[in-house]
N, C-alpha and C. Protein backbone atom coordinates (compact mmCIF):
# COMPACT_ATOMS: atom_id res chain seq x y z
N MET A 1 8.18 12.66 -4.60
CA MET A 1 8.67 11.33 -4.86
C MET A 1 7.79 10.66 -5.91
N GLU A 2 8.45 9.94 -6.78
CA GLU A 2 7.71 9.16 -7.78
C GLU A 2 7.37 7.81 -7.18
N TYR A 3 6.16 7.36 -7.43
CA TYR A 3 5.72 6.07 -6.93
C TYR A 3 5.86 5.02 -8.02
N ASP A 4 7.09 4.77 -8.44
CA ASP A 4 7.31 3.77 -9.49
C ASP A 4 7.30 2.37 -8.87
N TYR A 5 6.88 1.40 -9.67
CA TYR A 5 6.81 0.02 -9.22
C TYR A 5 6.70 -0.89 -10.43
N GLU A 6 6.93 -2.17 -10.22
CA GLU A 6 6.77 -3.18 -11.27
C GLU A 6 5.59 -4.07 -10.90
N ILE A 7 4.85 -4.50 -11.91
CA ILE A 7 3.75 -5.44 -11.70
C ILE A 7 4.16 -6.77 -12.30
N PHE A 8 3.83 -7.86 -11.61
CA PHE A 8 4.01 -9.18 -12.20
C PHE A 8 2.75 -9.99 -11.95
N ASP A 9 2.41 -10.82 -12.92
CA ASP A 9 1.22 -11.67 -12.82
C ASP A 9 1.58 -12.99 -12.17
N HIS A 10 0.64 -13.51 -11.44
CA HIS A 10 0.79 -14.78 -10.75
C HIS A 10 -0.60 -15.43 -10.80
N THR A 11 -0.67 -16.74 -10.77
CA THR A 11 -1.96 -17.44 -10.87
C THR A 11 -2.98 -16.86 -9.89
N ALA A 12 -4.08 -16.29 -10.40
CA ALA A 12 -5.18 -15.71 -9.62
C ALA A 12 -4.73 -14.57 -8.70
N ASP A 13 -3.55 -14.06 -8.93
CA ASP A 13 -3.02 -12.96 -8.12
C ASP A 13 -2.36 -11.94 -9.03
N VAL A 14 -2.09 -10.78 -8.46
CA VAL A 14 -1.23 -9.80 -9.12
C VAL A 14 -0.23 -9.34 -8.07
N GLY A 15 1.01 -9.17 -8.49
CA GLY A 15 2.04 -8.79 -7.54
C GLY A 15 2.75 -7.52 -7.93
N ILE A 16 3.41 -6.94 -6.93
CA ILE A 16 4.20 -5.73 -7.16
C ILE A 16 5.59 -5.91 -6.58
N ILE A 17 6.53 -5.23 -7.18
CA ILE A 17 7.86 -5.09 -6.64
C ILE A 17 8.14 -3.59 -6.58
N VAL A 18 8.49 -3.12 -5.39
CA VAL A 18 8.82 -1.70 -5.22
C VAL A 18 10.25 -1.59 -4.72
N ARG A 19 10.87 -0.48 -5.08
CA ARG A 19 12.23 -0.20 -4.62
C ARG A 19 12.27 1.18 -4.00
N GLY A 20 13.08 1.30 -2.95
CA GLY A 20 13.17 2.59 -2.27
C GLY A 20 14.44 2.71 -1.47
N LYS A 21 14.79 3.93 -1.15
CA LYS A 21 16.01 4.20 -0.39
C LYS A 21 15.81 3.97 1.11
N THR A 22 14.54 4.08 1.56
CA THR A 22 14.25 3.91 2.98
C THR A 22 13.13 2.88 3.15
N LEU A 23 13.02 2.36 4.35
CA LEU A 23 11.94 1.44 4.68
C LEU A 23 10.59 2.12 4.47
N GLU A 24 10.48 3.36 4.91
CA GLU A 24 9.23 4.10 4.76
C GLU A 24 8.84 4.26 3.29
N GLU A 25 9.82 4.51 2.45
CA GLU A 25 9.56 4.66 1.02
C GLU A 25 8.99 3.37 0.42
N LEU A 26 9.47 2.23 0.86
CA LEU A 26 8.93 0.95 0.38
C LEU A 26 7.44 0.83 0.70
N PHE A 27 7.07 1.22 1.91
CA PHE A 27 5.67 1.13 2.33
C PHE A 27 4.81 2.15 1.59
N GLU A 28 5.33 3.34 1.36
CA GLU A 28 4.59 4.37 0.62
C GLU A 28 4.36 3.92 -0.83
N LYS A 29 5.39 3.40 -1.46
CA LYS A 29 5.27 2.97 -2.86
C LYS A 29 4.34 1.77 -2.99
N ALA A 30 4.38 0.85 -2.03
CA ALA A 30 3.49 -0.31 -2.07
C ALA A 30 2.03 0.13 -1.97
N ALA A 31 1.76 1.11 -1.13
CA ALA A 31 0.39 1.61 -0.98
C ALA A 31 -0.09 2.26 -2.28
N TYR A 32 0.77 3.09 -2.88
CA TYR A 32 0.39 3.73 -4.14
C TYR A 32 0.13 2.68 -5.22
N ALA A 33 1.03 1.70 -5.31
CA ALA A 33 0.89 0.65 -6.33
C ALA A 33 -0.42 -0.11 -6.15
N MET A 34 -0.79 -0.40 -4.90
CA MET A 34 -2.04 -1.12 -4.66
C MET A 34 -3.23 -0.31 -5.18
N PHE A 35 -3.27 0.97 -4.86
CA PHE A 35 -4.37 1.80 -5.36
C PHE A 35 -4.34 1.92 -6.88
N ASP A 36 -3.14 1.95 -7.46
CA ASP A 36 -3.04 2.07 -8.92
C ASP A 36 -3.47 0.79 -9.62
N ILE A 37 -3.38 -0.34 -8.96
CA ILE A 37 -3.90 -1.59 -9.52
C ILE A 37 -5.44 -1.56 -9.50
N ILE A 38 -6.00 -0.99 -8.44
CA ILE A 38 -7.46 -0.94 -8.26
C ILE A 38 -8.10 0.07 -9.21
N LEU A 39 -7.48 1.23 -9.36
CA LEU A 39 -8.06 2.33 -10.14
C LEU A 39 -6.95 3.20 -10.72
N ASN A 40 -7.29 4.34 -11.28
CA ASN A 40 -6.30 5.25 -11.87
C ASN A 40 -5.79 6.20 -10.78
N ALA A 41 -4.74 5.78 -10.09
CA ALA A 41 -4.25 6.51 -8.93
C ALA A 41 -3.73 7.91 -9.27
N GLU A 42 -3.26 8.09 -10.50
CA GLU A 42 -2.74 9.42 -10.86
C GLU A 42 -3.84 10.48 -10.87
N ARG A 43 -5.09 10.06 -10.87
CA ARG A 43 -6.22 11.01 -10.86
C ARG A 43 -6.68 11.39 -9.45
N ILE A 44 -6.08 10.81 -8.44
CA ILE A 44 -6.48 11.09 -7.06
C ILE A 44 -5.93 12.44 -6.63
N GLN A 45 -6.82 13.30 -6.17
CA GLN A 45 -6.40 14.59 -5.62
C GLN A 45 -6.16 14.41 -4.13
N HIS A 46 -5.27 15.21 -3.59
CA HIS A 46 -4.89 15.09 -2.19
C HIS A 46 -5.69 16.09 -1.35
N ALA A 47 -7.02 15.99 -1.45
CA ALA A 47 -7.92 16.96 -0.83
C ALA A 47 -8.21 16.66 0.64
N GLY A 48 -8.24 15.38 1.00
CA GLY A 48 -8.55 15.00 2.38
C GLY A 48 -7.43 14.17 2.97
N ARG A 49 -7.48 14.03 4.30
CA ARG A 49 -6.43 13.28 5.00
C ARG A 49 -7.02 12.11 5.77
N TYR A 50 -6.24 11.07 5.87
CA TYR A 50 -6.64 9.91 6.66
C TYR A 50 -5.40 9.44 7.41
N ARG A 51 -5.54 9.17 8.70
CA ARG A 51 -4.40 8.71 9.50
C ARG A 51 -4.53 7.22 9.79
N VAL A 52 -3.41 6.53 9.70
CA VAL A 52 -3.38 5.09 9.94
C VAL A 52 -2.25 4.78 10.91
N SER A 53 -2.53 3.90 11.87
CA SER A 53 -1.51 3.39 12.78
C SER A 53 -1.68 1.89 12.91
N VAL A 54 -0.60 1.15 12.71
CA VAL A 54 -0.63 -0.30 12.89
C VAL A 54 0.67 -0.74 13.55
N SER A 55 0.57 -1.79 14.35
CA SER A 55 1.74 -2.40 14.98
C SER A 55 1.75 -3.88 14.65
N SER A 56 2.96 -4.40 14.38
CA SER A 56 3.09 -5.80 13.98
C SER A 56 4.45 -6.34 14.42
N PRO A 57 4.54 -7.66 14.59
CA PRO A 57 5.80 -8.24 15.08
C PRO A 57 6.95 -8.25 14.07
N THR A 58 6.64 -8.31 12.76
CA THR A 58 7.69 -8.35 11.74
C THR A 58 7.39 -7.31 10.66
N LEU A 59 8.38 -7.03 9.84
CA LEU A 59 8.17 -6.10 8.73
C LEU A 59 7.18 -6.66 7.71
N GLU A 60 7.22 -7.98 7.50
CA GLU A 60 6.27 -8.59 6.56
C GLU A 60 4.84 -8.46 7.08
N ASP A 61 4.65 -8.74 8.38
CA ASP A 61 3.32 -8.55 8.99
C ASP A 61 2.89 -7.09 8.90
N LEU A 62 3.83 -6.19 9.12
CA LEU A 62 3.51 -4.76 9.07
C LEU A 62 3.04 -4.37 7.67
N MET A 63 3.69 -4.89 6.64
CA MET A 63 3.29 -4.58 5.26
C MET A 63 1.87 -5.08 4.99
N VAL A 64 1.59 -6.32 5.38
CA VAL A 64 0.25 -6.88 5.16
C VAL A 64 -0.79 -6.09 5.95
N ASP A 65 -0.50 -5.78 7.20
CA ASP A 65 -1.46 -5.04 8.04
C ASP A 65 -1.70 -3.63 7.49
N TRP A 66 -0.65 -2.98 7.04
CA TRP A 66 -0.73 -1.63 6.47
C TRP A 66 -1.60 -1.61 5.22
N LEU A 67 -1.28 -2.47 4.26
CA LEU A 67 -2.04 -2.49 3.02
C LEU A 67 -3.46 -2.99 3.23
N SER A 68 -3.64 -3.93 4.14
CA SER A 68 -4.99 -4.43 4.45
C SER A 68 -5.84 -3.34 5.07
N GLU A 69 -5.25 -2.51 5.91
CA GLU A 69 -5.98 -1.40 6.52
C GLU A 69 -6.42 -0.40 5.45
N LEU A 70 -5.54 -0.08 4.51
CA LEU A 70 -5.89 0.84 3.43
C LEU A 70 -6.98 0.25 2.54
N LEU A 71 -6.89 -1.03 2.26
CA LEU A 71 -7.91 -1.72 1.46
C LEU A 71 -9.25 -1.71 2.19
N TYR A 72 -9.23 -1.89 3.50
CA TYR A 72 -10.44 -1.85 4.33
C TYR A 72 -11.09 -0.46 4.27
N VAL A 73 -10.27 0.57 4.39
CA VAL A 73 -10.79 1.95 4.33
C VAL A 73 -11.44 2.21 2.96
N PHE A 74 -10.78 1.76 1.91
CA PHE A 74 -11.35 1.92 0.57
C PHE A 74 -12.68 1.17 0.46
N SER A 75 -12.72 -0.06 0.93
CA SER A 75 -13.92 -0.90 0.82
C SER A 75 -15.09 -0.38 1.64
N THR A 76 -14.81 0.13 2.83
CA THR A 76 -15.90 0.54 3.73
C THR A 76 -16.27 2.01 3.62
N GLU A 77 -15.29 2.86 3.34
CA GLU A 77 -15.55 4.30 3.30
C GLU A 77 -15.44 4.91 1.91
N LEU A 78 -15.05 4.09 0.94
CA LEU A 78 -14.86 4.56 -0.44
C LEU A 78 -13.98 5.81 -0.51
N PHE A 79 -12.88 5.75 0.26
CA PHE A 79 -11.90 6.82 0.27
C PHE A 79 -10.65 6.29 -0.41
N VAL A 80 -10.19 6.97 -1.47
CA VAL A 80 -9.00 6.55 -2.20
C VAL A 80 -7.82 7.44 -1.83
N MET A 81 -6.64 6.86 -1.80
CA MET A 81 -5.46 7.59 -1.37
C MET A 81 -4.35 7.50 -2.40
N GLY A 82 -3.65 8.61 -2.58
CA GLY A 82 -2.61 8.65 -3.60
C GLY A 82 -1.31 9.27 -3.16
N LYS A 83 -1.24 9.71 -1.89
CA LYS A 83 0.00 10.28 -1.36
C LYS A 83 0.11 9.82 0.09
N PHE A 84 1.34 9.43 0.49
CA PHE A 84 1.53 8.81 1.80
C PHE A 84 2.78 9.34 2.48
N ASP A 85 2.67 9.61 3.78
CA ASP A 85 3.82 9.98 4.59
C ASP A 85 3.88 8.96 5.73
N VAL A 86 4.80 8.01 5.61
CA VAL A 86 4.90 6.88 6.53
C VAL A 86 6.08 7.08 7.48
N ARG A 87 5.86 6.76 8.76
CA ARG A 87 6.92 6.74 9.77
C ARG A 87 6.88 5.37 10.44
N ILE A 88 8.03 4.71 10.51
CA ILE A 88 8.10 3.38 11.11
C ILE A 88 9.11 3.43 12.25
N LYS A 89 8.69 2.87 13.40
CA LYS A 89 9.57 2.79 14.57
C LYS A 89 9.79 1.33 14.93
N LYS A 90 11.04 1.00 15.26
CA LYS A 90 11.36 -0.34 15.77
C LYS A 90 11.03 -0.35 17.26
N LEU A 91 10.25 -1.33 17.69
CA LEU A 91 9.88 -1.49 19.09
C LEU A 91 10.54 -2.75 19.64
N LYS A 92 10.43 -2.97 20.95
CA LYS A 92 10.98 -4.19 21.56
C LYS A 92 10.37 -5.44 20.94
N ASP A 93 9.07 -5.39 20.69
CA ASP A 93 8.35 -6.57 20.22
C ASP A 93 7.86 -6.44 18.78
N GLY A 94 8.51 -5.61 17.98
CA GLY A 94 8.12 -5.50 16.58
C GLY A 94 8.28 -4.10 16.03
N TYR A 95 7.28 -3.66 15.30
CA TYR A 95 7.33 -2.38 14.60
C TYR A 95 6.00 -1.66 14.72
N ARG A 96 6.07 -0.33 14.66
CA ARG A 96 4.87 0.49 14.65
C ARG A 96 4.94 1.43 13.45
N LEU A 97 3.85 1.48 12.69
CA LEU A 97 3.75 2.36 11.52
C LEU A 97 2.68 3.41 11.81
N ASP A 98 3.05 4.66 11.63
CA ASP A 98 2.10 5.78 11.69
C ASP A 98 2.18 6.50 10.36
N ALA A 99 1.03 6.73 9.75
CA ALA A 99 1.03 7.36 8.43
C ALA A 99 -0.08 8.38 8.30
N THR A 100 0.22 9.40 7.53
CA THR A 100 -0.79 10.32 7.05
C THR A 100 -0.94 10.04 5.57
N CYS A 101 -2.19 9.85 5.15
CA CYS A 101 -2.49 9.51 3.76
C CYS A 101 -3.41 10.59 3.21
N TRP A 102 -3.14 11.03 1.99
CA TRP A 102 -3.97 12.05 1.37
C TRP A 102 -4.75 11.44 0.21
N GLY A 103 -5.98 11.89 0.07
CA GLY A 103 -6.81 11.37 -1.00
C GLY A 103 -8.15 12.07 -1.04
N GLU A 104 -9.15 11.35 -1.53
CA GLU A 104 -10.48 11.93 -1.69
C GLU A 104 -11.52 10.82 -1.81
N PRO A 105 -12.78 11.15 -1.70
CA PRO A 105 -13.82 10.15 -1.90
C PRO A 105 -13.76 9.59 -3.32
N TYR A 106 -13.96 8.28 -3.43
CA TYR A 106 -13.93 7.61 -4.72
C TYR A 106 -15.11 8.04 -5.59
N ARG A 107 -14.78 8.32 -6.87
CA ARG A 107 -15.82 8.61 -7.87
C ARG A 107 -15.47 7.81 -9.12
N LYS A 108 -16.38 6.91 -9.50
CA LYS A 108 -16.11 6.00 -10.61
C LYS A 108 -15.78 6.74 -11.91
N LYS A 109 -16.51 7.82 -12.20
CA LYS A 109 -16.24 8.56 -13.45
C LYS A 109 -14.86 9.17 -13.47
N LYS A 110 -14.38 9.60 -12.31
CA LYS A 110 -13.08 10.24 -12.23
C LYS A 110 -11.95 9.22 -12.12
N HIS A 111 -12.08 8.27 -11.19
CA HIS A 111 -10.99 7.36 -10.87
C HIS A 111 -11.02 6.05 -11.66
N GLY A 112 -12.19 5.72 -12.22
CA GLY A 112 -12.31 4.46 -12.96
C GLY A 112 -12.24 3.27 -12.02
N ILE A 113 -12.19 2.10 -12.61
CA ILE A 113 -11.99 0.87 -11.84
C ILE A 113 -11.22 -0.08 -12.75
N LYS A 114 -10.14 -0.65 -12.23
CA LYS A 114 -9.31 -1.54 -13.05
C LYS A 114 -9.40 -2.98 -12.56
N THR A 115 -8.96 -3.24 -11.35
CA THR A 115 -8.91 -4.61 -10.83
C THR A 115 -9.35 -4.62 -9.38
N GLU A 116 -10.24 -5.53 -9.05
CA GLU A 116 -10.66 -5.66 -7.65
C GLU A 116 -9.63 -6.48 -6.90
N ILE A 117 -9.12 -5.91 -5.81
CA ILE A 117 -8.21 -6.65 -4.93
C ILE A 117 -9.04 -7.15 -3.76
N LYS A 118 -8.99 -8.47 -3.56
CA LYS A 118 -9.75 -9.08 -2.45
C LYS A 118 -8.96 -9.05 -1.16
N ALA A 119 -7.64 -9.26 -1.26
CA ALA A 119 -6.83 -9.34 -0.04
C ALA A 119 -5.35 -9.18 -0.36
N VAL A 120 -4.60 -8.80 0.67
CA VAL A 120 -3.15 -8.78 0.62
C VAL A 120 -2.71 -10.15 1.14
N THR A 121 -1.78 -10.80 0.45
CA THR A 121 -1.40 -12.16 0.85
C THR A 121 0.03 -12.21 1.41
N TYR A 122 0.32 -13.32 2.07
CA TYR A 122 1.68 -13.58 2.57
C TYR A 122 2.50 -14.37 1.56
N HIS A 123 1.86 -14.84 0.50
CA HIS A 123 2.54 -15.66 -0.50
C HIS A 123 3.66 -14.87 -1.17
N GLU A 124 4.87 -15.37 -1.11
CA GLU A 124 6.06 -14.74 -1.70
C GLU A 124 6.36 -13.34 -1.15
N LEU A 125 5.76 -12.98 -0.04
CA LEU A 125 5.95 -11.66 0.57
C LEU A 125 7.39 -11.48 1.03
N LYS A 126 7.95 -10.32 0.72
CA LYS A 126 9.31 -10.01 1.15
C LYS A 126 9.44 -8.51 1.36
N VAL A 127 10.00 -8.13 2.50
CA VAL A 127 10.35 -6.73 2.76
C VAL A 127 11.82 -6.74 3.14
N ASP A 128 12.66 -6.16 2.30
CA ASP A 128 14.11 -6.20 2.50
C ASP A 128 14.68 -4.78 2.45
N PRO A 129 14.70 -4.09 3.60
CA PRO A 129 15.20 -2.71 3.60
C PRO A 129 16.68 -2.59 3.23
N GLU A 130 17.48 -3.63 3.54
CA GLU A 130 18.91 -3.57 3.18
C GLU A 130 19.10 -3.52 1.67
N ARG A 131 18.30 -4.29 0.96
CA ARG A 131 18.38 -4.27 -0.51
C ARG A 131 17.49 -3.20 -1.12
N GLY A 132 16.65 -2.58 -0.31
CA GLY A 132 15.78 -1.51 -0.80
C GLY A 132 14.67 -2.00 -1.70
N CYS A 133 14.09 -3.17 -1.35
CA CYS A 133 12.99 -3.65 -2.19
C CYS A 133 11.96 -4.41 -1.34
N ALA A 134 10.76 -4.47 -1.90
CA ALA A 134 9.67 -5.24 -1.29
C ALA A 134 8.86 -5.88 -2.39
N LYS A 135 8.32 -7.06 -2.07
CA LYS A 135 7.49 -7.80 -3.03
C LYS A 135 6.20 -8.19 -2.31
N VAL A 136 5.07 -7.89 -2.97
CA VAL A 136 3.75 -8.15 -2.37
C VAL A 136 2.84 -8.76 -3.43
N LEU A 137 2.09 -9.78 -3.03
CA LEU A 137 1.07 -10.38 -3.91
C LEU A 137 -0.31 -10.07 -3.37
N PHE A 138 -1.22 -9.73 -4.28
CA PHE A 138 -2.61 -9.44 -3.95
C PHE A 138 -3.51 -10.52 -4.55
N ASP A 139 -4.48 -10.97 -3.77
CA ASP A 139 -5.49 -11.90 -4.25
C ASP A 139 -6.54 -11.09 -5.01
N ILE A 140 -6.76 -11.43 -6.29
CA ILE A 140 -7.74 -10.68 -7.09
C ILE A 140 -8.91 -11.57 -7.49
């Protein structure tokens, strides 16, 4: 799968719009786009694996929690990810996301550094599986 996305600028933020055929694809593309904003994601090798599980009451909360967890892993463990296999289940009280992410330890000479993302925001956040698109803003 190609991780294509659009970037748009916003005051003190950077945003992405992703399109996909499935809900899972939207989450996978958003994760790739976030890493590609931070560094050169196309240089990430899929040498190691990292598993992520998050549960949230809404799809918008799930997107923020998912991307925030990946950002936390990058910030604390310096592990970058460039390939994602996401599974989302509808629960009685929300949604559960389980993902396997592939990547490798961050190396500045290899991956570079483009933009520091401080946080995933709720501003203008939209996850619309019926239309096959999602919009996310990052605080930079």
